[in-house]
Amino acid sequence: MTHTAHRNTTLDAHPSDLSDRYHYNVIRRAIDLIDASDVPLSLDALAHDLGMSSHHFQKTFSKWAGVSPKRYQQYLTLDTAKSLIKTQRTLVEAADASGLSSAGRLHDLFLRWEAMTPGEFARSGADLTISYGWFDTPFGEALAMATPRGLCGLAFSSETSRDEAMADLTNRWPSAMFIEAHDTVAPYVDAALGGGSANLHLIGAPFQIKVWEALLSIPSGKVTTYSDIAHAVGNPKAVRAVGTAVGRNPVSWLIPCHRVLRKSGELGGYHWGLPVKRALLAYEATQADARDDAHKQEPATIA
């Protein structure tokens, strides 16, 4: 079963330019400080609490987020999700029979993905060799796994641990053989994080694959709800089952389960930790706003 989604655009800043775990650790600490404060924090106050000079903090923050700390802070407030659900919610259209619709996109990548057949899934990965390695990403250290057909797992460990991330992914395919092979996985990770052509090998049950396919149609900077996903997969009463499938997404960030919120506007859960989900949403929102601002500033064309 092969599905292909085409999206060929240029990002303002590729995630590969931001692949320094140190930068994310600074952002993660800033999130805690912002949450603990009853009032917006100034650049000087944040820098001081982080033990950094204002200049160094501004430079580090802006390199990661692409916007100033002041602007980014607006997206990290506790009402981020409610604001997004009001202004950036998008209805998820069901994919057509030939695969992902042209509206589908994955971090503006050129994406090819292939789903495991139901029979292959039932064998729990038997006769499958999965390579793995640890990589720095814009959102902390990640465990990446791949088969010869593409990237099949991406787990963030900043809010858990290496052992927990490894156990989580390996338990999904208990009969597979896992080998540590950083150099084998690296090309898949470089393609996925560098804005190039990415191959994914989705290993899951048929219903899970259907939900993940719907997730791929949520544009970057937009959000949707669990109930919208349930409608999109043709089973509007299966909101709880959809939530379970969203939580079982093995390829974090790339299959954007972080863009699914509760209908009330609350963040809901996130398998790899809510701070990571908030950082992902805030990062994408700032990038979307930056693109919109750049578009508005383009001079009008006179025919």
C-alpha atoms as a PDB file:
ATOM      1  CA  MET A   1       0.000   0.000   0.000  1.00  0.00           C
ATOM      2  CA  THR A   2       1.752   3.123  -1.183  1.00  0.00           C
ATOM      3  CA  HIS A   3       0.616   6.705  -0.733  1.00  0.00           C
ATOM      4  CA  THR A   4       2.338   9.769  -2.095  1.00  0.00           C
ATOM      5  CA  ALA A   5       1.875  13.376  -1.083  1.00  0.00           C
ATOM      6  CA  HIS A   6       3.513  16.181  -3.037  1.00  0.00           C
ATOM      7  CA  ARG A   7       4.388  19.506  -1.502  1.00  0.00           C
ATOM      8  CA  ASN A   8       7.274  21.507  -2.883  1.00  0.00           C
ATOM      9  CA  THR A   9       7.749  24.830  -1.114  1.00  0.00           C
ATOM     10  CA  THR A  10      10.571  26.750   0.472  1.00  0.00           C
ATOM     11  CA  LEU A  11      10.654  27.229   4.217  1.00  0.00           C
ATOM     12  CA  ASP A  12      11.802  30.535   5.685  1.00  0.00           C
ATOM     13  CA  ALA A  13      14.055  28.559   8.014  1.00  0.00           C
ATOM     14  CA  HIS A  14      14.672  24.830   7.697  1.00  0.00           C
ATOM     15  CA  PRO A  15      14.624  22.894  10.962  1.00  0.00           C
ATOM     16  CA  SER A  16      18.088  21.553  10.106  1.00  0.00           C
ATOM     17  CA  ASP A  17      19.414  25.079  10.672  1.00  0.00           C
ATOM     18  CA  LEU A  18      18.108  24.846  14.244  1.00  0.00           C
ATOM     19  CA  SER A  19      19.270  21.338  15.157  1.00  0.00           C
ATOM     20  CA  ASP A  20      21.031  22.166  18.393  1.00  0.00           C
ATOM     21  CA  ARG A  21      19.670  20.540  21.540  1.00  0.00           C
ATOM     22  CA  TYR A  22      21.099  23.415  23.587  1.00  0.00           C
ATOM     23  CA  HIS A  23      18.723  25.874  21.953  1.00  0.00           C
ATOM     24  CA  TYR A  24      15.699  23.763  22.805  1.00  0.00           C
ATOM     25  CA  ASN A  25      16.866  23.382  26.401  1.00  0.00           C
ATOM     26  CA  VAL A  26      16.935  27.183  26.687  1.00  0.00           C
ATOM     27  CA  ILE A  27      13.400  27.357  25.261  1.00  0.00           C
ATOM     28  CA  ARG A  28      12.231  24.610  27.599  1.00  0.00           C
ATOM     29  CA  ARG A  29      13.540  26.481  30.644  1.00  0.00           C
ATOM     30  CA  ALA A  30      11.968  29.701  29.354  1.00  0.00           C
ATOM     31  CA  ILE A  31       8.577  27.962  29.116  1.00  0.00           C
ATOM     32  CA  ASP A  32       8.777  27.049  32.815  1.00  0.00           C
ATOM     33  CA  LEU A  33       9.641  30.627  33.765  1.00  0.00           C
ATOM     34  CA  ILE A  34       6.840  32.086  31.649  1.00  0.00           C
ATOM     35  CA  ASP A  35       4.315  29.640  33.130  1.00  0.00           C
ATOM     36  CA  ALA A  36       5.419  30.475  36.685  1.00  0.00           C
ATOM     37  CA  SER A  37       5.018  34.226  36.187  1.00  0.00           C
ATOM     38  CA  ASP A  38       1.735  36.074  36.615  1.00  0.00           C
ATOM     39  CA  VAL A  39       2.886  38.858  34.282  1.00  0.00           C
ATOM     40  CA  PRO A  40       4.746  38.919  30.965  1.00  0.00           C
ATOM     41  CA  LEU A  41       8.495  38.748  31.468  1.00  0.00           C
ATOM     42  CA  SER A  42      10.849  41.254  29.892  1.00  0.00           C
ATOM     43  CA  LEU A  43      13.846  40.206  27.843  1.00  0.00           C
ATOM     44  CA  ASP A  44      16.173  41.270  30.663  1.00  0.00           C
ATOM     45  CA  ALA A  45      14.169  39.375  33.289  1.00  0.00           C
ATOM     46  CA  LEU A  46      14.096  36.145  31.282  1.00  0.00           C
ATOM     47  CA  ALA A  47      17.792  36.390  30.463  1.00  0.00           C
ATOM     48  CA  HIS A  48      18.674  37.038  34.101  1.00  0.00           C
ATOM     49  CA  ASP A  49      16.638  34.063  35.335  1.00  0.00           C
ATOM     50  CA  LEU A  50      18.303  31.841  32.743  1.00  0.00           C
ATOM     51  CA  GLY A  51      21.759  33.014  33.775  1.00  0.00           C
ATOM     52  CA  MET A  52      22.469  34.544  30.372  1.00  0.00           C
ATOM     53  CA  SER A  53      23.204  38.012  29.076  1.00  0.00           C
ATOM     54  CA  SER A  54      20.293  39.720  27.320  1.00  0.00           C
ATOM     55  CA  HIS A  55      22.244  39.756  24.072  1.00  0.00           C
ATOM     56  CA  HIS A  56      23.102  36.052  24.220  1.00  0.00           C
ATOM     57  CA  PHE A  57      19.544  35.090  25.155  1.00  0.00           C
ATOM     58  CA  GLN A  58      18.055  37.226  22.382  1.00  0.00           C
ATOM     59  CA  LYS A  59      20.442  35.711  19.829  1.00  0.00           C
ATOM     60  CA  THR A  60      19.886  32.121  20.976  1.00  0.00           C
ATOM     61  CA  PHE A  61      16.113  32.493  21.183  1.00  0.00           C
ATOM     62  CA  SER A  62      15.757  34.214  17.835  1.00  0.00           C
ATOM     63  CA  LYS A  63      17.945  31.612  16.121  1.00  0.00           C
ATOM     64  CA  TRP A  64      15.630  28.863  17.361  1.00  0.00           C
ATOM     65  CA  ALA A  65      12.254  30.546  16.975  1.00  0.00           C
ATOM     66  CA  GLY A  66      12.921  33.002  14.164  1.00  0.00           C
ATOM     67  CA  VAL A  67      11.165  35.733  16.129  1.00  0.00           C
ATOM     68  CA  SER A  68      11.904  37.798  19.221  1.00  0.00           C
ATOM     69  CA  PRO A  69      11.407  36.367  22.726  1.00  0.00           C
ATOM     70  CA  LYS A  70       8.644  38.922  23.315  1.00  0.00           C
ATOM     71  CA  ARG A  71       6.651  37.773  20.312  1.00  0.00           C
ATOM     72  CA  TYR A  72       7.234  34.105  20.967  1.00  0.00           C
ATOM     73  CA  GLN A  73       6.149  34.527  24.578  1.00  0.00           C
ATOM     74  CA  GLN A  74       2.680  35.411  23.319  1.00  0.00           C
ATOM     75  CA  TYR A  75       2.399  31.895  21.894  1.00  0.00           C
ATOM     76  CA  LEU A  76       3.609  30.188  25.046  1.00  0.00           C
ATOM     77  CA  THR A  77       0.971  31.583  27.400  1.00  0.00           C
ATOM     78  CA  LEU A  78      -1.368  29.023  28.911  1.00  0.00           C
ATOM     79  CA  ASP A  79      -4.246  30.100  26.639  1.00  0.00           C
ATOM     80  CA  THR A  80      -2.275  29.285  23.476  1.00  0.00           C
ATOM     81  CA  ALA A  81      -4.508  26.343  22.599  1.00  0.00           C
ATOM     82  CA  LYS A  82      -7.740  28.279  23.094  1.00  0.00           C
ATOM     83  CA  SER A  83      -6.446  31.065  20.881  1.00  0.00           C
ATOM     84  CA  LEU A  84      -5.402  28.613  18.172  1.00  0.00           C
ATOM     85  CA  ILE A  85      -8.714  26.766  18.230  1.00  0.00           C
ATOM     86  CA  LYS A  86     -10.544  30.085  17.709  1.00  0.00           C
ATOM     87  CA  THR A  87      -8.330  31.521  14.978  1.00  0.00           C
ATOM     88  CA  GLN A  88      -6.410  28.682  13.319  1.00  0.00           C
ATOM     89  CA  ARG A  89      -8.772  25.724  13.390  1.00  0.00           C
ATOM     90  CA  THR A  90      -9.096  23.869  10.130  1.00  0.00           C
ATOM     91  CA  LEU A  91     -11.491  21.097   9.185  1.00  0.00           C
ATOM     92  CA  VAL A  92      -9.735  17.935   8.089  1.00  0.00           C
ATOM     93  CA  GLU A  93     -10.861  16.637   4.740  1.00  0.00           C
ATOM     94  CA  ALA A  94     -10.873  12.886   4.254  1.00  0.00           C
ATOM     95  CA  ALA A  95      -8.145  11.647   1.935  1.00  0.00           C
ATOM     96  CA  ASP A  96      -9.261  10.482  -1.470  1.00  0.00           C
ATOM     97  CA  ALA A  97      -9.011   6.871  -2.577  1.00  0.00           C
ATOM     98  CA  SER A  98      -5.752   7.355  -4.444  1.00  0.00           C
ATOM     99  CA  GLY A  99      -3.910   8.577  -1.364  1.00  0.00           C
ATOM    100  CA  LEU A 100      -3.297  11.826   0.415  1.00  0.00           C
ATOM    101  CA  SER A 101      -4.965  14.825  -1.172  1.00  0.00           C
ATOM    102  CA  SER A 102      -2.922  17.637  -2.691  1.00  0.00           C
ATOM    103  CA  ALA A 103      -3.690  19.705   0.405  1.00  0.00           C
ATOM    104  CA  GLY A 104      -1.788  17.242   2.556  1.00  0.00           C
ATOM    105  CA  ARG A 105       1.611  18.343   3.677  1.00  0.00           C
ATOM    106  CA  LEU A 106       4.245  17.426   6.174  1.00  0.00           C
ATOM    107  CA  HIS A 107       6.291  20.383   7.370  1.00  0.00           C
ATOM    108  CA  ASP A 108       6.272  21.581   3.763  1.00  0.00           C
ATOM    109  CA  LEU A 109       8.264  18.511   2.783  1.00  0.00           C
ATOM    110  CA  PHE A 110       8.101  16.480  -0.378  1.00  0.00           C
ATOM    111  CA  LEU A 111       6.740  13.357   1.304  1.00  0.00           C
ATOM    112  CA  ARG A 112       6.415   9.739   0.293  1.00  0.00           C
ATOM    113  CA  TRP A 113       4.900   7.330   2.759  1.00  0.00           C
ATOM    114  CA  GLU A 114       4.077   3.674   2.663  1.00  0.00           C
ATOM    115  CA  ALA A 115       1.858   1.848   5.111  1.00  0.00           C
ATOM    116  CA  MET A 116       2.456  -1.660   6.359  1.00  0.00           C
ATOM    117  CA  THR A 117      -0.221  -4.090   5.171  1.00  0.00           C
ATOM    118  CA  PRO A 118      -2.640  -5.495   7.795  1.00  0.00           C
ATOM    119  CA  GLY A 119      -0.928  -8.882   7.485  1.00  0.00           C
ATOM    120  CA  GLU A 120       2.488  -7.385   8.136  1.00  0.00           C
ATOM    121  CA  PHE A 121       1.146  -5.508  11.147  1.00  0.00           C
ATOM    122  CA  ALA A 122      -0.413  -8.683  12.565  1.00  0.00           C
ATOM    123  CA  ARG A 123       3.020 -10.315  12.555  1.00  0.00           C
ATOM    124  CA  SER A 124       4.247  -7.591  14.997  1.00  0.00           C
ATOM    125  CA  GLY A 125       7.293  -6.802  12.892  1.00  0.00           C
ATOM    126  CA  ALA A 126       8.462 -10.384  12.387  1.00  0.00           C
ATOM    127  CA  ASP A 127      11.185 -10.631   9.712  1.00  0.00           C
ATOM    128  CA  LEU A 128      11.624  -6.848   9.944  1.00  0.00           C
ATOM    129  CA  THR A 129      14.960  -5.249  10.802  1.00  0.00           C
ATOM    130  CA  ILE A 130      14.700  -1.781  12.302  1.00  0.00           C
ATOM    131  CA  SER A 131      17.773   0.436  12.639  1.00  0.00           C
ATOM    132  CA  TYR A 132      17.926   3.175  15.258  1.00  0.00           C
ATOM    133  CA  GLY A 133      20.040   6.083  16.438  1.00  0.00           C
ATOM    134  CA  TRP A 134      19.929   9.198  18.628  1.00  0.00           C
ATOM    135  CA  PHE A 135      19.780  12.648  17.059  1.00  0.00           C
ATOM    136  CA  ASP A 136      19.604  16.296  18.060  1.00  0.00           C
ATOM    137  CA  THR A 137      16.472  18.049  16.813  1.00  0.00           C
ATOM    138  CA  PRO A 138      15.017  21.556  17.278  1.00  0.00           C
ATOM    139  CA  PHE A 139      12.884  20.103  20.101  1.00  0.00           C
ATOM    140  CA  GLY A 140      15.496  18.181  22.028  1.00  0.00           C
ATOM    141  CA  GLU A 141      17.092  14.780  21.638  1.00  0.00           C
ATOM    142  CA  ALA A 142      15.107  12.248  19.633  1.00  0.00           C
ATOM    143  CA  LEU A 143      15.258   8.530  19.020  1.00  0.00           C
ATOM    144  CA  ALA A 144      14.826   7.814  15.309  1.00  0.00           C
ATOM    145  CA  MET A 145      14.090   4.411  13.798  1.00  0.00           C
ATOM    146  CA  ALA A 146      13.963   3.306  10.178  1.00  0.00           C
ATOM    147  CA  THR A 147      13.358   0.293   7.983  1.00  0.00           C
ATOM    148  CA  PRO A 148      14.767   0.026   4.454  1.00  0.00           C
ATOM    149  CA  ARG A 149      11.479   1.613   3.319  1.00  0.00           C
ATOM    150  CA  GLY A 150      11.720   4.784   5.419  1.00  0.00           C
ATOM    151  CA  LEU A 151      11.564   6.429   8.818  1.00  0.00           C
ATOM    152  CA  CYS A 152       9.196   4.476  11.066  1.00  0.00           C
ATOM    153  CA  GLY A 153       9.743   6.041  14.483  1.00  0.00           C
ATOM    154  CA  LEU A 154      10.658   9.416  15.996  1.00  0.00           C
ATOM    155  CA  ALA A 155      10.385   9.846  19.777  1.00  0.00           C
ATOM    156  CA  PHE A 156      11.360  12.874  21.851  1.00  0.00           C
ATOM    157  CA  SER A 157      13.193  12.066  25.076  1.00  0.00           C
ATOM    158  CA  SER A 158      13.501  15.517  26.693  1.00  0.00           C
ATOM    159  CA  GLU A 159      10.460  14.971  28.945  1.00  0.00           C
ATOM    160  CA  THR A 160      10.986  11.246  29.497  1.00  0.00           C
ATOM    161  CA  SER A 161      14.293   9.416  29.191  1.00  0.00           C
ATOM    162  CA  ARG A 162      16.261   7.441  26.642  1.00  0.00           C
ATOM    163  CA  ASP A 163      15.179   4.163  28.222  1.00  0.00           C
ATOM    164  CA  GLU A 164      11.490   5.121  28.173  1.00  0.00           C
ATOM    165  CA  ALA A 165      11.644   6.302  24.562  1.00  0.00           C
ATOM    166  CA  MET A 166      13.408   3.113  23.488  1.00  0.00           C
ATOM    167  CA  ALA A 167      10.960   0.867  25.349  1.00  0.00           C
ATOM    168  CA  ASP A 168       7.981   2.754  23.924  1.00  0.00           C
ATOM    169  CA  LEU A 169       8.986   2.286  20.296  1.00  0.00           C
ATOM    170  CA  THR A 170      10.426  -1.248  20.514  1.00  0.00           C
ATOM    171  CA  ASN A 171       7.295  -2.507  22.314  1.00  0.00           C
ATOM    172  CA  ARG A 172       5.205  -1.488  19.322  1.00  0.00           C
ATOM    173  CA  TRP A 173       6.898  -4.081  17.122  1.00  0.00           C
ATOM    174  CA  PRO A 174       7.945  -6.828  19.569  1.00  0.00           C
ATOM    175  CA  SER A 175       8.948  -9.365  16.950  1.00  0.00           C
ATOM    176  CA  ALA A 176      11.249  -7.061  14.979  1.00  0.00           C
ATOM    177  CA  MET A 177      15.026  -7.078  15.211  1.00  0.00           C
ATOM    178  CA  PHE A 178      16.495  -3.762  16.394  1.00  0.00           C
ATOM    179  CA  ILE A 179      20.066  -2.755  15.659  1.00  0.00           C
ATOM    180  CA  GLU A 180      21.879   0.450  16.573  1.00  0.00           C
ATOM    181  CA  ALA A 181      22.987   1.939  13.256  1.00  0.00           C
ATOM    182  CA  HIS A 182      23.216   5.729  13.447  1.00  0.00           C
ATOM    183  CA  ASP A 183      24.712   6.118   9.981  1.00  0.00           C
ATOM    184  CA  THR A 184      21.932   4.017   8.427  1.00  0.00           C
ATOM    185  CA  VAL A 185      19.171   6.144   9.965  1.00  0.00           C
ATOM    186  CA  ALA A 186      20.916   9.517   9.522  1.00  0.00           C
ATOM    187  CA  PRO A 187      19.958  10.063   5.839  1.00  0.00           C
ATOM    188  CA  TYR A 188      16.266   9.619   6.695  1.00  0.00           C
ATOM    189  CA  VAL A 189      16.523  12.055   9.606  1.00  0.00           C
ATOM    190  CA  ASP A 190      18.490  14.593   7.557  1.00  0.00           C
ATOM    191  CA  ALA A 191      15.825  14.480   4.835  1.00  0.00           C
ATOM    192  CA  ALA A 192      12.960  14.827   7.310  1.00  0.00           C
ATOM    193  CA  LEU A 193      14.502  17.706   9.279  1.00  0.00           C
ATOM    194  CA  GLY A 194      16.174  19.418   6.348  1.00  0.00           C
ATOM    195  CA  GLY A 195      13.168  20.203   4.184  1.00  0.00           C
ATOM    196  CA  GLY A 196      14.068  17.639   1.534  1.00  0.00           C
ATOM    197  CA  SER A 197      12.411  14.501   0.230  1.00  0.00           C
ATOM    198  CA  ALA A 198      11.320  12.300   3.136  1.00  0.00           C
ATOM    199  CA  ASN A 199      10.260   8.657   3.118  1.00  0.00           C
ATOM    200  CA  LEU A 200       8.114   7.298   5.950  1.00  0.00           C
ATOM    201  CA  HIS A 201       7.215   3.671   6.638  1.00  0.00           C
ATOM    202  CA  LEU A 202       4.067   3.742   8.773  1.00  0.00           C
ATOM    203  CA  ILE A 203       3.678   0.642  10.926  1.00  0.00           C
ATOM    204  CA  GLY A 204       0.242   0.415  12.509  1.00  0.00           C
ATOM    205  CA  ALA A 205      -3.226  -1.098  12.435  1.00  0.00           C
ATOM    206  CA  PRO A 206      -5.538  -0.070   9.571  1.00  0.00           C
ATOM    207  CA  PHE A 207      -7.593   2.331  11.734  1.00  0.00           C
ATOM    208  CA  GLN A 208      -4.422   3.938  13.092  1.00  0.00           C
ATOM    209  CA  ILE A 209      -3.066   4.417   9.570  1.00  0.00           C
ATOM    210  CA  LYS A 210      -6.325   6.087   8.564  1.00  0.00           C
ATOM    211  CA  VAL A 211      -6.098   8.522  11.489  1.00  0.00           C
ATOM    212  CA  TRP A 212      -2.431   9.292  10.793  1.00  0.00           C
ATOM    213  CA  GLU A 213      -3.299   9.938   7.159  1.00  0.00           C
ATOM    214  CA  ALA A 214      -5.861  12.512   8.313  1.00  0.00           C
ATOM    215  CA  LEU A 215      -3.243  14.141  10.547  1.00  0.00           C
ATOM    216  CA  LEU A 216      -1.016  14.682   7.528  1.00  0.00           C
ATOM    217  CA  SER A 217      -3.644  16.952   5.979  1.00  0.00           C
ATOM    218  CA  ILE A 218      -3.420  19.515   8.809  1.00  0.00           C
ATOM    219  CA  PRO A 219      -1.331  22.443   7.532  1.00  0.00           C
ATOM    220  CA  SER A 220       1.545  23.755   9.614  1.00  0.00           C
ATOM    221  CA  GLY A 221       0.369  26.578  11.874  1.00  0.00           C
ATOM    222  CA  LYS A 222      -3.185  25.212  11.946  1.00  0.00           C
ATOM    223  CA  VAL A 223      -4.954  22.961  14.441  1.00  0.00           C
ATOM    224  CA  THR A 224      -7.969  20.658  14.476  1.00  0.00           C
ATOM    225  CA  THR A 225      -9.949  18.646  17.027  1.00  0.00           C
ATOM    226  CA  TYR A 226     -10.336  14.973  17.846  1.00  0.00           C
ATOM    227  CA  SER A 227     -13.970  15.122  16.767  1.00  0.00           C
ATOM    228  CA  ASP A 228     -13.002  16.654  13.416  1.00  0.00           C
ATOM    229  CA  ILE A 229     -10.571  13.787  12.858  1.00  0.00           C
ATOM    230  CA  ALA A 230     -13.301  11.281  13.754  1.00  0.00           C
ATOM    231  CA  HIS A 231     -15.582  12.834  11.111  1.00  0.00           C
ATOM    232  CA  ALA A 232     -12.751  12.832   8.582  1.00  0.00           C
ATOM    233  CA  VAL A 233     -12.148   9.094   8.957  1.00  0.00           C
ATOM    234  CA  GLY A 234     -15.868   8.392   8.572  1.00  0.00           C
ATOM    235  CA  ASN A 235     -16.622   7.449  12.185  1.00  0.00           C
ATOM    236  CA  PRO A 236     -17.858  10.551  14.041  1.00  0.00           C
ATOM    237  CA  LYS A 237     -18.676   8.600  17.226  1.00  0.00           C
ATOM    238  CA  ALA A 238     -15.168   7.179  17.540  1.00  0.00           C
ATOM    239  CA  VAL A 239     -13.608  10.226  19.239  1.00  0.00           C
ATOM    240  CA  ARG A 240     -12.028   8.159  21.996  1.00  0.00           C
ATOM    241  CA  ALA A 241     -10.617   5.626  19.527  1.00  0.00           C
ATOM    242  CA  VAL A 242      -9.242   8.518  17.462  1.00  0.00           C
ATOM    243  CA  GLY A 243      -7.569   9.917  20.564  1.00  0.00           C
ATOM    244  CA  THR A 244      -5.917   6.559  21.205  1.00  0.00           C
ATOM    245  CA  ALA A 245      -4.716   6.335  17.598  1.00  0.00           C
ATOM    246  CA  VAL A 246      -3.368   9.899  17.737  1.00  0.00           C
ATOM    247  CA  GLY A 247      -1.454   8.993  20.900  1.00  0.00           C
ATOM    248  CA  ARG A 248       0.002   5.912  19.197  1.00  0.00           C
ATOM    249  CA  ASN A 249       1.521   7.937  16.363  1.00  0.00           C
ATOM    250  CA  PRO A 250       5.094   6.593  16.179  1.00  0.00           C
ATOM    251  CA  VAL A 251       6.563   9.469  14.153  1.00  0.00           C
ATOM    252  CA  SER A 252       6.255  12.537  16.356  1.00  0.00           C
ATOM    253  CA  TRP A 253       6.308  16.029  14.851  1.00  0.00           C
ATOM    254  CA  LEU A 254       6.426  14.745  11.252  1.00  0.00           C
ATOM    255  CA  ILE A 255       2.996  13.168  11.543  1.00  0.00           C
ATOM    256  CA  PRO A 256       1.579  16.219  13.340  1.00  0.00           C
ATOM    257  CA  CYS A 257      -0.475  14.780  16.183  1.00  0.00           C
ATOM    258  CA  HIS A 258       0.501  17.866  18.203  1.00  0.00           C
ATOM    259  CA  ARG A 259      -1.913  19.871  16.017  1.00  0.00           C
ATOM    260  CA  VAL A 260      -4.932  18.055  17.471  1.00  0.00           C
ATOM    261  CA  LEU A 261      -6.632  19.825  20.398  1.00  0.00           C
ATOM    262  CA  ARG A 262      -9.729  19.258  22.464  1.00  0.00           C
ATOM    263  CA  LYS A 263     -12.912  20.877  21.195  1.00  0.00           C
ATOM    264  CA  SER A 264     -12.922  23.072  24.328  1.00  0.00           C
ATOM    265  CA  GLY A 265      -9.633  24.598  23.218  1.00  0.00           C
ATOM    266  CA  GLU A 266      -7.544  22.763  25.813  1.00  0.00           C
ATOM    267  CA  LEU A 267      -4.266  21.256  24.717  1.00  0.00           C
ATOM    268  CA  GLY A 268      -5.215  17.680  25.529  1.00  0.00           C
ATOM    269  CA  GLY A 269      -2.459  15.146  26.014  1.00  0.00           C
ATOM    270  CA  TYR A 270       0.787  14.581  24.175  1.00  0.00           C
ATOM    271  CA  HIS A 271       2.664  11.311  24.238  1.00  0.00           C
ATOM    272  CA  TRP A 272       6.092  12.936  24.572  1.00  0.00           C
ATOM    273  CA  GLY A 273       5.142  15.612  27.114  1.00  0.00           C
ATOM    274  CA  LEU A 274       2.967  18.727  27.035  1.00  0.00           C
ATOM    275  CA  PRO A 275       5.943  21.151  27.109  1.00  0.00           C
ATOM    276  CA  VAL A 276       7.093  19.654  23.795  1.00  0.00           C
ATOM    277  CA  LYS A 277       3.585  19.996  22.333  1.00  0.00           C
ATOM    278  CA  ARG A 278       3.373  23.641  23.367  1.00  0.00           C
ATOM    279  CA  ALA A 279       6.798  24.381  21.919  1.00  0.00           C
ATOM    280  CA  LEU A 280       5.858  22.662  18.647  1.00  0.00           C
ATOM    281  CA  LEU A 281       2.604  24.625  18.337  1.00  0.00           C
ATOM    282  CA  ALA A 282       4.203  27.922  19.275  1.00  0.00           C
ATOM    283  CA  TYR A 283       7.097  27.402  16.873  1.00  0.00           C
ATOM    284  CA  GLU A 284       4.771  26.615  13.978  1.00  0.00           C
ATOM    285  CA  ALA A 285       2.453  29.509  14.821  1.00  0.00           C
ATOM    286  CA  THR A 286       5.327  32.002  14.801  1.00  0.00           C
ATOM    287  CA  GLN A 287       6.628  30.612  11.506  1.00  0.00           C
ATOM    288  CA  ALA A 288       3.162  30.869   9.958  1.00  0.00           C
ATOM    289  CA  ASP A 289       2.808  34.446  11.168  1.00  0.00           C
ATOM    290  CA  ALA A 290       6.251  35.320   9.835  1.00  0.00           C
ATOM    291  CA  ARG A 291       5.293  33.955   6.415  1.00  0.00           C
ATOM    292  CA  ASP A 292       2.010  35.903   6.493  1.00  0.00           C
ATOM    293  CA  ASP A 293       3.836  39.106   7.437  1.00  0.00           C
ATOM    294  CA  ALA A 294       6.340  38.614   4.621  1.00  0.00           C
ATOM    295  CA  HIS A 295       3.488  38.041   2.177  1.00  0.00           C
ATOM    296  CA  LYS A 296       1.721  41.215   3.296  1.00  0.00           C
ATOM    297  CA  GLN A 297       4.896  43.223   2.776  1.00  0.00           C
ATOM    298  CA  GLU A 298       5.383  42.048  -0.789  1.00  0.00           C
ATOM    299  CA  PRO A 299       4.792  44.907  -3.243  1.00  0.00           C
ATOM    300  CA  ALA A 300       1.705  44.718  -5.381  1.00  0.00           C
ATOM    301  CA  THR A 301       2.235  43.682  -8.987  1.00  0.00           C
ATOM    302  CA  ILE A 302       0.973  46.121 -11.587  1.00  0.00           C
ATOM    303  CA  ALA A 303      -0.183  44.463 -14.775  1.00  0.00           C
END
